[in-house]
Every structure is written in structure tokens, then in C-alpha cells.
Amino acid sequence: MLNYDEKRSFIRMEIDCDITYKLADSDILHPGRCSSISGAGVSFIADRFFELGKAMEINVIPKSTVTPPMTAFIEVIRCTQQGESSYEIAATIKSIKGS
């Protein structure tokens, strides 16, 4: 058995699914790709840079219908360029929108 001391409050799950996001002050939806999610945060790939502290609404769209979609309000904590036109966005989940 491996001995691993998890430092996070919530376990991060690696996922690969579609995501849409929009800025808090906009109605324009943009597509992205979710790469990981936890009870406190999310990371996804976007086609543009976002400043730290930027507020957004995201909609995570799972591949399977067994898992329902999730809409959450997030705040960007990191934005790292991954390629010429892609960025990894790391964000804290501020709240989850109820159905």
C-alpha cells in the first residue's frame, strides 16, 4: 500500500469534458475543455488569457448522462499559457448554482 499524505482539502479528479464559460458581466458563452475538478476548484483550457481575480460562470458538461451538468461561479487564481492560442485556467469555486 502506498503511503500518501494528501495536502488538499478536497481530492482533485482528473476529467476530460466540455465546458462553457462566460464572464460575470457578459452573456457570451465560450467553449473550453475541463481537465480537473475538486470540491473547491476547477481547471480548464480556454483560448484566451484571463487576469487573476476575474469572475466567471462555468457550465461543466459531463460525457455521461449518469453525471448531471454543473453550473458554478468561479474566480481565476492562475492563467498559464499552454500553446500559441491556449491557456490553462485554474479557479476557485465560489458557489454552485442550484437547479
PDB file of N, CA and C in Angstrom:
ATOM      1  N   MET A   1       0.841  -1.177   0.000  1.00  0.00           N
ATOM      2  CA  MET A   1       0.000   0.000   0.000  1.00  0.00           C
ATOM      3  C   MET A   1       0.888   1.243   0.000  1.00  0.00           C
ATOM      4  N   LEU A   2       0.565   2.194  -0.867  1.00  0.00           N
ATOM      5  CA  LEU A   2       1.314   3.432  -0.930  1.00  0.00           C
ATOM      6  C   LEU A   2       0.910   4.344   0.211  1.00  0.00           C
ATOM      7  N   ASN A   3       1.875   5.024   0.756  1.00  0.00           N
ATOM      8  CA  ASN A   3       1.611   5.967   1.830  1.00  0.00           C
ATOM      9  C   ASN A   3       1.662   7.368   1.228  1.00  0.00           C
ATOM     10  N   TYR A   4       0.539   8.044   1.142  1.00  0.00           N
ATOM     11  CA  TYR A   4       0.469   9.355   0.517  1.00  0.00           C
ATOM     12  C   TYR A   4      -0.295  10.298   1.420  1.00  0.00           C
ATOM     13  N   ASP A   5       0.322  11.410   1.737  1.00  0.00           N
ATOM     14  CA  ASP A   5      -0.297  12.395   2.614  1.00  0.00           C
ATOM     15  C   ASP A   5      -0.882  13.509   1.756  1.00  0.00           C
ATOM     16  N   GLU A   6      -2.180  13.501   1.539  1.00  0.00           N
ATOM     17  CA  GLU A   6      -2.873  14.500   0.711  1.00  0.00           C
ATOM     18  C   GLU A   6      -2.928  15.825   1.456  1.00  0.00           C
ATOM     19  N   LYS A   7      -2.444  16.874   0.807  1.00  0.00           N
ATOM     20  CA  LYS A   7      -2.422  18.200   1.424  1.00  0.00           C
ATOM     21  C   LYS A   7      -3.668  19.019   1.100  1.00  0.00           C
ATOM     22  N   ARG A   8      -4.421  18.606   0.130  1.00  0.00           N
ATOM     23  CA  ARG A   8      -5.610  19.347  -0.293  1.00  0.00           C
ATOM     24  C   ARG A   8      -6.797  19.035   0.614  1.00  0.00           C
ATOM     25  N   SER A   9      -7.704  20.005   0.715  1.00  0.00           N
ATOM     26  CA  SER A   9      -8.934  19.791   1.473  1.00  0.00           C
ATOM     27  C   SER A   9      -9.883  18.874   0.724  1.00  0.00           C
ATOM     28  N   PHE A  10      -9.817  18.917  -0.620  1.00  0.00           N
ATOM     29  CA  PHE A  10     -10.664  18.086  -1.474  1.00  0.00           C
ATOM     30  C   PHE A  10      -9.787  17.366  -2.487  1.00  0.00           C
ATOM     31  N   ILE A  11     -10.104  16.132  -2.776  1.00  0.00           N
ATOM     32  CA  ILE A  11      -9.364  15.361  -3.774  1.00  0.00           C
ATOM     33  C   ILE A  11      -9.674  15.906  -5.153  1.00  0.00           C
ATOM     34  N   ARG A  12      -8.638  16.075  -5.957  1.00  0.00           N
ATOM     35  CA  ARG A  12      -8.794  16.545  -7.337  1.00  0.00           C
ATOM     36  C   ARG A  12      -9.066  15.345  -8.236  1.00  0.00           C
ATOM     37  N   MET A  13     -10.081  15.468  -9.089  1.00  0.00           N
ATOM     38  CA  MET A  13     -10.402  14.418 -10.048  1.00  0.00           C
ATOM     39  C   MET A  13     -10.008  14.899 -11.435  1.00  0.00           C
ATOM     40  N   GLU A  14      -9.186  14.102 -12.112  1.00  0.00           N
ATOM     41  CA  GLU A  14      -8.823  14.408 -13.487  1.00  0.00           C
ATOM     42  C   GLU A  14     -10.005  14.013 -14.369  1.00  0.00           C
ATOM     43  N   ILE A  15     -10.481  14.946 -15.177  1.00  0.00           N
ATOM     44  CA  ILE A  15     -11.587  14.663 -16.087  1.00  0.00           C
ATOM     45  C   ILE A  15     -11.265  15.269 -17.445  1.00  0.00           C
ATOM     46  N   ASP A  16     -12.002  14.868 -18.426  1.00  0.00           N
ATOM     47  CA  ASP A  16     -11.846  15.407 -19.775  1.00  0.00           C
ATOM     48  C   ASP A  16     -13.239  15.560 -20.356  1.00  0.00           C
ATOM     49  N   CYS A  17     -13.779  16.774 -20.249  1.00  0.00           N
ATOM     50  CA  CYS A  17     -15.125  17.003 -20.764  1.00  0.00           C
ATOM     51  C   CYS A  17     -15.270  18.447 -21.221  1.00  0.00           C
ATOM     52  N   ASP A  18     -16.324  18.697 -21.962  1.00  0.00           N
ATOM     53  CA  ASP A  18     -16.597  20.046 -22.449  1.00  0.00           C
ATOM     54  C   ASP A  18     -17.009  20.959 -21.308  1.00  0.00           C
ATOM     55  N   ILE A  19     -16.755  22.230 -21.521  1.00  0.00           N
ATOM     56  CA  ILE A  19     -17.148  23.251 -20.561  1.00  0.00           C
ATOM     57  C   ILE A  19     -17.516  24.503 -21.361  1.00  0.00           C
ATOM     58  N   THR A  20     -18.468  25.248 -20.860  1.00  0.00           N
ATOM     59  CA  THR A  20     -18.705  26.581 -21.409  1.00  0.00           C
ATOM     60  C   THR A  20     -18.456  27.567 -20.272  1.00  0.00           C
ATOM     61  N   TYR A  21     -18.000  28.756 -20.641  1.00  0.00           N
ATOM     62  CA  TYR A  21     -17.758  29.771 -19.631  1.00  0.00           C
ATOM     63  C   TYR A  21     -18.143  31.135 -20.176  1.00  0.00           C
ATOM     64  N   LYS A  22     -18.481  32.020 -19.255  1.00  0.00           N
ATOM     65  CA  LYS A  22     -18.765  33.402 -19.619  1.00  0.00           C
ATOM     66  C   LYS A  22     -18.315  34.289 -18.473  1.00  0.00           C
ATOM     67  N   LEU A  23     -17.900  35.479 -18.829  1.00  0.00           N
ATOM     68  CA  LEU A  23     -17.510  36.450 -17.813  1.00  0.00           C
ATOM     69  C   LEU A  23     -18.739  36.872 -17.028  1.00  0.00           C
ATOM     70  N   ALA A  24     -18.551  37.280 -15.799  1.00  0.00           N
ATOM     71  CA  ALA A  24     -19.670  37.643 -14.930  1.00  0.00           C
ATOM     72  C   ALA A  24     -20.504  38.784 -15.497  1.00  0.00           C
ATOM     73  N   ASP A  25     -19.884  39.668 -16.266  1.00  0.00           N
ATOM     74  CA  ASP A  25     -20.605  40.817 -16.816  1.00  0.00           C
ATOM     75  C   ASP A  25     -20.975  40.638 -18.284  1.00  0.00           C
ATOM     76  N   SER A  26     -21.083  39.379 -18.747  1.00  0.00           N
ATOM     77  CA  SER A  26     -21.359  39.108 -20.153  1.00  0.00           C
ATOM     78  C   SER A  26     -22.354  37.962 -20.306  1.00  0.00           C
ATOM     79  N   ASP A  27     -23.029  37.925 -21.444  1.00  0.00           N
ATOM     80  CA  ASP A  27     -23.911  36.806 -21.770  1.00  0.00           C
ATOM     81  C   ASP A  27     -23.316  35.930 -22.869  1.00  0.00           C
ATOM     82  N   ILE A  28     -22.104  36.230 -23.309  1.00  0.00           N
ATOM     83  CA  ILE A  28     -21.471  35.487 -24.405  1.00  0.00           C
ATOM     84  C   ILE A  28     -20.794  34.240 -23.859  1.00  0.00           C
ATOM     85  N   LEU A  29     -21.244  33.065 -24.345  1.00  0.00           N
ATOM     86  CA  LEU A  29     -20.662  31.786 -23.934  1.00  0.00           C
ATOM     87  C   LEU A  29     -19.474  31.445 -24.819  1.00  0.00           C
ATOM     88  N   HIS A  30     -18.430  30.898 -24.196  1.00  0.00           N
ATOM     89  CA  HIS A  30     -17.230  30.455 -24.899  1.00  0.00           C
ATOM     90  C   HIS A  30     -17.003  28.983 -24.575  1.00  0.00           C
ATOM     91  N   PRO A  31     -16.540  28.190 -25.539  1.00  0.00           N
ATOM     92  CA  PRO A  31     -16.253  26.778 -25.264  1.00  0.00           C
ATOM     93  C   PRO A  31     -14.865  26.596 -24.664  1.00  0.00           C
ATOM     94  N   GLY A  32     -14.717  25.541 -23.872  1.00  0.00           N
ATOM     95  CA  GLY A  32     -13.428  25.183 -23.306  1.00  0.00           C
ATOM     96  C   GLY A  32     -13.393  23.696 -23.035  1.00  0.00           C
ATOM     97  N   ARG A  33     -12.336  23.245 -22.395  1.00  0.00           N
ATOM     98  CA  ARG A  33     -12.175  21.830 -22.079  1.00  0.00           C
ATOM     99  C   ARG A  33     -11.753  21.702 -20.626  1.00  0.00           C
ATOM    100  N   CYS A  34     -12.586  21.065 -19.808  1.00  0.00           N
ATOM    101  CA  CYS A  34     -12.303  20.892 -18.386  1.00  0.00           C
ATOM    102  C   CYS A  34     -11.272  19.769 -18.218  1.00  0.00           C
ATOM    103  N   SER A  35     -10.254  20.008 -17.393  1.00  0.00           N
ATOM    104  CA  SER A  35      -9.215  18.998 -17.194  1.00  0.00           C
ATOM    105  C   SER A  35      -9.204  18.410 -15.787  1.00  0.00           C
ATOM    106  N   SER A  36      -9.629  19.185 -14.788  1.00  0.00           N
ATOM    107  CA  SER A  36      -9.734  18.632 -13.438  1.00  0.00           C
ATOM    108  C   SER A  36     -10.723  19.461 -12.622  1.00  0.00           C
ATOM    109  N   ILE A  37     -11.247  18.804 -11.595  1.00  0.00           N
ATOM    110  CA  ILE A  37     -12.227  19.466 -10.736  1.00  0.00           C
ATOM    111  C   ILE A  37     -12.115  18.877  -9.335  1.00  0.00           C
ATOM    112  N   SER A  38     -12.410  19.687  -8.336  1.00  0.00           N
ATOM    113  CA  SER A  38     -12.460  19.220  -6.951  1.00  0.00           C
ATOM    114  C   SER A  38     -13.611  19.935  -6.272  1.00  0.00           C
ATOM    115  N   GLY A  39     -13.771  19.713  -5.002  1.00  0.00           N
ATOM    116  CA  GLY A  39     -14.828  20.384  -4.267  1.00  0.00           C
ATOM    117  C   GLY A  39     -14.591  21.875  -4.102  1.00  0.00           C
ATOM    118  N   ALA A  40     -13.354  22.315  -4.339  1.00  0.00           N
ATOM    119  CA  ALA A  40     -13.023  23.720  -4.131  1.00  0.00           C
ATOM    120  C   ALA A  40     -12.540  24.446  -5.382  1.00  0.00           C
ATOM    121  N   GLY A  41     -12.212  23.696  -6.449  1.00  0.00           N
ATOM    122  CA  GLY A  41     -11.652  24.358  -7.617  1.00  0.00           C
ATOM    123  C   GLY A  41     -11.832  23.588  -8.900  1.00  0.00           C
ATOM    124  N   VAL A  42     -11.405  24.233  -9.978  1.00  0.00           N
ATOM    125  CA  VAL A  42     -11.541  23.654 -11.308  1.00  0.00           C
ATOM    126  C   VAL A  42     -10.397  24.172 -12.166  1.00  0.00           C
ATOM    127  N   SER A  43      -9.971  23.372 -13.130  1.00  0.00           N
ATOM    128  CA  SER A  43      -9.039  23.874 -14.136  1.00  0.00           C
ATOM    129  C   SER A  43      -9.576  23.486 -15.504  1.00  0.00           C
ATOM    130  N   PHE A  44      -9.384  24.394 -16.454  1.00  0.00           N
ATOM    131  CA  PHE A  44      -9.861  24.145 -17.809  1.00  0.00           C
ATOM    132  C   PHE A  44      -8.985  24.876 -18.813  1.00  0.00           C
ATOM    133  N   ILE A  45      -9.108  24.458 -20.063  1.00  0.00           N
ATOM    134  CA  ILE A  45      -8.360  25.050 -21.160  1.00  0.00           C
ATOM    135  C   ILE A  45      -9.277  26.024 -21.895  1.00  0.00           C
ATOM    136  N   ALA A  46      -8.768  27.241 -22.098  1.00  0.00           N
ATOM    137  CA  ALA A  46      -9.506  28.285 -22.806  1.00  0.00           C
ATOM    138  C   ALA A  46      -8.613  28.825 -23.924  1.00  0.00           C
ATOM    139  N   ASP A  47      -9.209  29.589 -24.819  1.00  0.00           N
ATOM    140  CA  ASP A  47      -8.448  30.129 -25.942  1.00  0.00           C
ATOM    141  C   ASP A  47      -7.981  31.562 -25.722  1.00  0.00           C
ATOM    142  N   ARG A  48      -8.074  32.025 -24.486  1.00  0.00           N
ATOM    143  CA  ARG A  48      -7.624  33.389 -24.198  1.00  0.00           C
ATOM    144  C   ARG A  48      -7.125  33.515 -22.766  1.00  0.00           C
ATOM    145  N   PHE A  49      -6.383  34.563 -22.521  1.00  0.00           N
ATOM    146  CA  PHE A  49      -5.814  34.855 -21.216  1.00  0.00           C
ATOM    147  C   PHE A  49      -6.853  35.558 -20.340  1.00  0.00           C
ATOM    148  N   PHE A  50      -6.855  35.239 -19.042  1.00  0.00           N
ATOM    149  CA  PHE A  50      -7.722  35.916 -18.082  1.00  0.00           C
ATOM    150  C   PHE A  50      -6.886  36.409 -16.912  1.00  0.00           C
ATOM    151  N   GLU A  51      -7.169  37.609 -16.459  1.00  0.00           N
ATOM    152  CA  GLU A  51      -6.470  38.189 -15.318  1.00  0.00           C
ATOM    153  C   GLU A  51      -6.894  37.501 -14.025  1.00  0.00           C
ATOM    154  N   LEU A  52      -5.989  37.478 -13.070  1.00  0.00           N
ATOM    155  CA  LEU A  52      -6.301  36.921 -11.756  1.00  0.00           C
ATOM    156  C   LEU A  52      -7.425  37.725 -11.124  1.00  0.00           C
ATOM    157  N   GLY A  53      -8.334  37.025 -10.462  1.00  0.00           N
ATOM    158  CA  GLY A  53      -9.463  37.677  -9.809  1.00  0.00           C
ATOM    159  C   GLY A  53     -10.685  37.822 -10.702  1.00  0.00           C
ATOM    160  N   LYS A  54     -10.561  37.482 -11.987  1.00  0.00           N
ATOM    161  CA  LYS A  54     -11.691  37.601 -12.917  1.00  0.00           C
ATOM    162  C   LYS A  54     -12.797  36.633 -12.493  1.00  0.00           C
ATOM    163  N   ALA A  55     -14.032  37.128 -12.434  1.00  0.00           N
ATOM    164  CA  ALA A  55     -15.189  36.314 -12.047  1.00  0.00           C
ATOM    165  C   ALA A  55     -15.860  35.755 -13.299  1.00  0.00           C
ATOM    166  N   MET A  56     -16.242  34.493 -13.242  1.00  0.00           N
ATOM    167  CA  MET A  56     -16.883  33.817 -14.368  1.00  0.00           C
ATOM    168  C   MET A  56     -17.974  32.880 -13.886  1.00  0.00           C
ATOM    169  N   GLU A  57     -18.806  32.491 -14.830  1.00  0.00           N
ATOM    170  CA  GLU A  57     -19.764  31.410 -14.621  1.00  0.00           C
ATOM    171  C   GLU A  57     -19.366  30.308 -15.586  1.00  0.00           C
ATOM    172  N   ILE A  58     -19.279  29.070 -15.087  1.00  0.00           N
ATOM    173  CA  ILE A  58     -18.939  27.935 -15.937  1.00  0.00           C
ATOM    174  C   ILE A  58     -20.062  26.907 -15.909  1.00  0.00           C
ATOM    175  N   ASN A  59     -20.131  26.122 -16.968  1.00  0.00           N
ATOM    176  CA  ASN A  59     -21.061  25.007 -17.028  1.00  0.00           C
ATOM    177  C   ASN A  59     -20.250  23.791 -17.475  1.00  0.00           C
ATOM    178  N   VAL A  60     -20.062  22.840 -16.568  1.00  0.00           N
ATOM    179  CA  VAL A  60     -19.328  21.614 -16.856  1.00  0.00           C
ATOM    180  C   VAL A  60     -20.312  20.610 -17.444  1.00  0.00           C
ATOM    181  N   ILE A  61     -19.966  20.077 -18.620  1.00  0.00           N
ATOM    182  CA  ILE A  61     -20.861  19.181 -19.352  1.00  0.00           C
ATOM    183  C   ILE A  61     -20.224  17.785 -19.404  1.00  0.00           C
ATOM    184  N   PRO A  62     -20.600  16.881 -18.489  1.00  0.00           N
ATOM    185  CA  PRO A  62     -20.004  15.541 -18.454  1.00  0.00           C
ATOM    186  C   PRO A  62     -20.299  14.750 -19.723  1.00  0.00           C
ATOM    187  N   LYS A  63     -19.417  13.792 -20.009  1.00  0.00           N
ATOM    188  CA  LYS A  63     -19.598  12.933 -21.188  1.00  0.00           C
ATOM    189  C   LYS A  63     -20.767  11.975 -20.999  1.00  0.00           C
ATOM    190  N   SER A  64     -21.002  11.568 -19.770  1.00  0.00           N
ATOM    191  CA  SER A  64     -22.042  10.585 -19.471  1.00  0.00           C
ATOM    192  C   SER A  64     -23.283  11.274 -18.908  1.00  0.00           C
ATOM    193  N   THR A  65     -24.444  10.773 -19.272  1.00  0.00           N
ATOM    194  CA  THR A  65     -25.689  11.322 -18.736  1.00  0.00           C
ATOM    195  C   THR A  65     -25.939  10.878 -17.293  1.00  0.00           C
ATOM    196  N   VAL A  66     -25.127   9.943 -16.794  1.00  0.00           N
ATOM    197  CA  VAL A  66     -25.241   9.481 -15.407  1.00  0.00           C
ATOM    198  C   VAL A  66     -24.881  10.626 -14.453  1.00  0.00           C
ATOM    199  N   THR A  67     -23.916  11.444 -14.861  1.00  0.00           N
ATOM    200  CA  THR A  67     -23.495  12.588 -14.055  1.00  0.00           C
ATOM    201  C   THR A  67     -24.176  13.841 -14.595  1.00  0.00           C
ATOM    202  N   PRO A  68     -24.887  14.572 -13.757  1.00  0.00           N
ATOM    203  CA  PRO A  68     -25.565  15.784 -14.236  1.00  0.00           C
ATOM    204  C   PRO A  68     -24.581  16.916 -14.504  1.00  0.00           C
ATOM    205  N   PRO A  69     -24.930  17.848 -15.390  1.00  0.00           N
ATOM    206  CA  PRO A  69     -24.077  19.020 -15.605  1.00  0.00           C
ATOM    207  C   PRO A  69     -24.016  19.868 -14.334  1.00  0.00           C
ATOM    208  N   MET A  70     -22.967  20.685 -14.238  1.00  0.00           N
ATOM    209  CA  MET A  70     -22.805  21.536 -13.066  1.00  0.00           C
ATOM    210  C   MET A  70     -22.541  22.963 -13.525  1.00  0.00           C
ATOM    211  N   THR A  71     -23.244  23.903 -12.936  1.00  0.00           N
ATOM    212  CA  THR A  71     -23.002  25.318 -13.178  1.00  0.00           C
ATOM    213  C   THR A  71     -22.446  25.917 -11.898  1.00  0.00           C
ATOM    214  N   ALA A  72     -21.339  26.655 -12.030  1.00  0.00           N
ATOM    215  CA  ALA A  72     -20.685  27.220 -10.850  1.00  0.00           C
ATOM    216  C   ALA A  72     -20.171  28.623 -11.150  1.00  0.00           C
ATOM    217  N   PHE A  73     -20.007  29.379 -10.090  1.00  0.00           N
ATOM    218  CA  PHE A  73     -19.405  30.703 -10.174  1.00  0.00           C
ATOM    219  C   PHE A  73     -17.984  30.571  -9.661  1.00  0.00           C
ATOM    220  N   ILE A  74     -17.008  31.059 -10.438  1.00  0.00           N
ATOM    221  CA  ILE A  74     -15.601  30.854 -10.118  1.00  0.00           C
ATOM    222  C   ILE A  74     -14.826  32.165 -10.132  1.00  0.00           C
ATOM    223  N   GLU A  75     -13.624  32.104  -9.569  1.00  0.00           N
ATOM    224  CA  GLU A  75     -12.695  33.230  -9.606  1.00  0.00           C
ATOM    225  C   GLU A  75     -11.336  32.703 -10.052  1.00  0.00           C
ATOM    226  N   VAL A  76     -10.761  33.307 -11.078  1.00  0.00           N
ATOM    227  CA  VAL A  76      -9.481  32.879 -11.634  1.00  0.00           C
ATOM    228  C   VAL A  76      -8.355  33.134 -10.630  1.00  0.00           C
ATOM    229  N   ILE A  77      -7.542  32.094 -10.381  1.00  0.00           N
ATOM    230  CA  ILE A  77      -6.387  32.247  -9.492  1.00  0.00           C
ATOM    231  C   ILE A  77      -5.065  32.042 -10.239  1.00  0.00           C
ATOM    232  N   ARG A  78      -5.127  31.451 -11.440  1.00  0.00           N
ATOM    233  CA  ARG A  78      -3.913  31.245 -12.237  1.00  0.00           C
ATOM    234  C   ARG A  78      -4.300  31.118 -13.702  1.00  0.00           C
ATOM    235  N   CYS A  79      -3.462  31.661 -14.574  1.00  0.00           N
ATOM    236  CA  CYS A  79      -3.665  31.539 -16.016  1.00  0.00           C
ATOM    237  C   CYS A  79      -2.295  31.306 -16.637  1.00  0.00           C
ATOM    238  N   THR A  80      -2.100  30.127 -17.218  1.00  0.00           N
ATOM    239  CA  THR A  80      -0.806  29.732 -17.757  1.00  0.00           C
ATOM    240  C   THR A  80      -0.940  29.413 -19.239  1.00  0.00           C
ATOM    241  N   GLN A  81      -0.105  30.048 -20.060  1.00  0.00           N
ATOM    242  CA  GLN A  81      -0.155  29.780 -21.497  1.00  0.00           C
ATOM    243  C   GLN A  81       0.335  28.368 -21.763  1.00  0.00           C
ATOM    244  N   GLN A  82      -0.434  27.606 -22.562  1.00  0.00           N
ATOM    245  CA  GLN A  82      -0.116  26.216 -22.875  1.00  0.00           C
ATOM    246  C   GLN A  82       0.404  26.043 -24.298  1.00  0.00           C
ATOM    247  N   GLY A  83       0.015  26.899 -25.172  1.00  0.00           N
ATOM    248  CA  GLY A  83       0.412  26.842 -26.577  1.00  0.00           C
ATOM    249  C   GLY A  83       0.230  28.217 -27.161  1.00  0.00           C
ATOM    250  N   GLU A  84       0.275  28.286 -28.476  1.00  0.00           N
ATOM    251  CA  GLU A  84       0.150  29.588 -29.118  1.00  0.00           C
ATOM    252  C   GLU A  84      -1.189  30.260 -28.828  1.00  0.00           C
ATOM    253  N   SER A  85      -2.241  29.465 -28.741  1.00  0.00           N
ATOM    254  CA  SER A  85      -3.568  30.056 -28.500  1.00  0.00           C
ATOM    255  C   SER A  85      -4.384  29.259 -27.493  1.00  0.00           C
ATOM    256  N   SER A  86      -3.726  28.704 -26.482  1.00  0.00           N
ATOM    257  CA  SER A  86      -4.478  28.020 -25.429  1.00  0.00           C
ATOM    258  C   SER A  86      -3.855  28.329 -24.066  1.00  0.00           C
ATOM    259  N   TYR A  87      -4.737  28.419 -23.076  1.00  0.00           N
ATOM    260  CA  TYR A  87      -4.349  28.784 -21.723  1.00  0.00           C
ATOM    261  C   TYR A  87      -5.010  27.838 -20.736  1.00  0.00           C
ATOM    262  N   GLU A  88      -4.267  27.438 -19.710  1.00  0.00           N
ATOM    263  CA  GLU A  88      -4.858  26.658 -18.633  1.00  0.00           C
ATOM    264  C   GLU A  88      -5.310  27.641 -17.561  1.00  0.00           C
ATOM    265  N   ILE A  89      -6.593  27.596 -17.256  1.00  0.00           N
ATOM    266  CA  ILE A  89      -7.189  28.464 -16.250  1.00  0.00           C
ATOM    267  C   ILE A  89      -7.422  27.641 -14.996  1.00  0.00           C
ATOM    268  N   ALA A  90      -6.901  28.103 -13.868  1.00  0.00           N
ATOM    269  CA  ALA A  90      -7.176  27.480 -12.577  1.00  0.00           C
ATOM    270  C   ALA A  90      -8.026  28.470 -11.787  1.00  0.00           C
ATOM    271  N   ALA A  91      -9.074  27.960 -11.159  1.00  0.00           N
ATOM    272  CA  ALA A  91     -10.009  28.852 -10.468  1.00  0.00           C
ATOM    273  C   ALA A  91     -10.558  28.205  -9.213  1.00  0.00           C
ATOM    274  N   THR A  92     -10.938  29.037  -8.266  1.00  0.00           N
ATOM    275  CA  THR A  92     -11.625  28.549  -7.083  1.00  0.00           C
ATOM    276  C   THR A  92     -13.126  28.616  -7.352  1.00  0.00           C
ATOM    277  N   ILE A  93     -13.847  27.634  -6.853  1.00  0.00           N
ATOM    278  CA  ILE A  93     -15.295  27.622  -6.978  1.00  0.00           C
ATOM    279  C   ILE A  93     -15.857  28.455  -5.822  1.00  0.00           C
ATOM    280  N   LYS A  94     -16.543  29.528  -6.152  1.00  0.00           N
ATOM    281  CA  LYS A  94     -17.128  30.404  -5.139  1.00  0.00           C
ATOM    282  C   LYS A  94     -18.500  29.905  -4.696  1.00  0.00           C
ATOM    283  N   SER A  95     -19.292  29.401  -5.668  1.00  0.00           N
ATOM    284  CA  SER A  95     -20.589  28.813  -5.349  1.00  0.00           C
ATOM    285  C   SER A  95     -21.062  27.969  -6.518  1.00  0.00           C
ATOM    286  N   ILE A  96     -21.960  27.059  -6.212  1.00  0.00           N
ATOM    287  CA  ILE A  96     -22.553  26.200  -7.227  1.00  0.00           C
ATOM    288  C   ILE A  96     -24.005  26.623  -7.392  1.00  0.00           C
ATOM    289  N   LYS A  97     -24.390  26.824  -8.640  1.00  0.00           N
ATOM    290  CA  LYS A  97     -25.747  27.293  -8.943  1.00  0.00           C
ATOM    291  C   LYS A  97     -26.720  26.129  -8.780  1.00  0.00           C
ATOM    292  N   GLY A  98     -27.761  26.342  -8.009  1.00  0.00           N
ATOM    293  CA  GLY A  98     -28.782  25.326  -7.809  1.00  0.00           C
ATOM    294  C   GLY A  98     -29.680  25.193  -9.026  1.00  0.00           C
ATOM    295  N   SER A  99     -30.333  24.054  -9.128  1.00  0.00           N
ATOM    296  CA  SER A  99     -31.209  23.810 -10.284  1.00  0.00           C
ATOM    297  C   SER A  99     -32.589  24.403 -10.080  1.00  0.00           C
TER     298      SER A  99
END
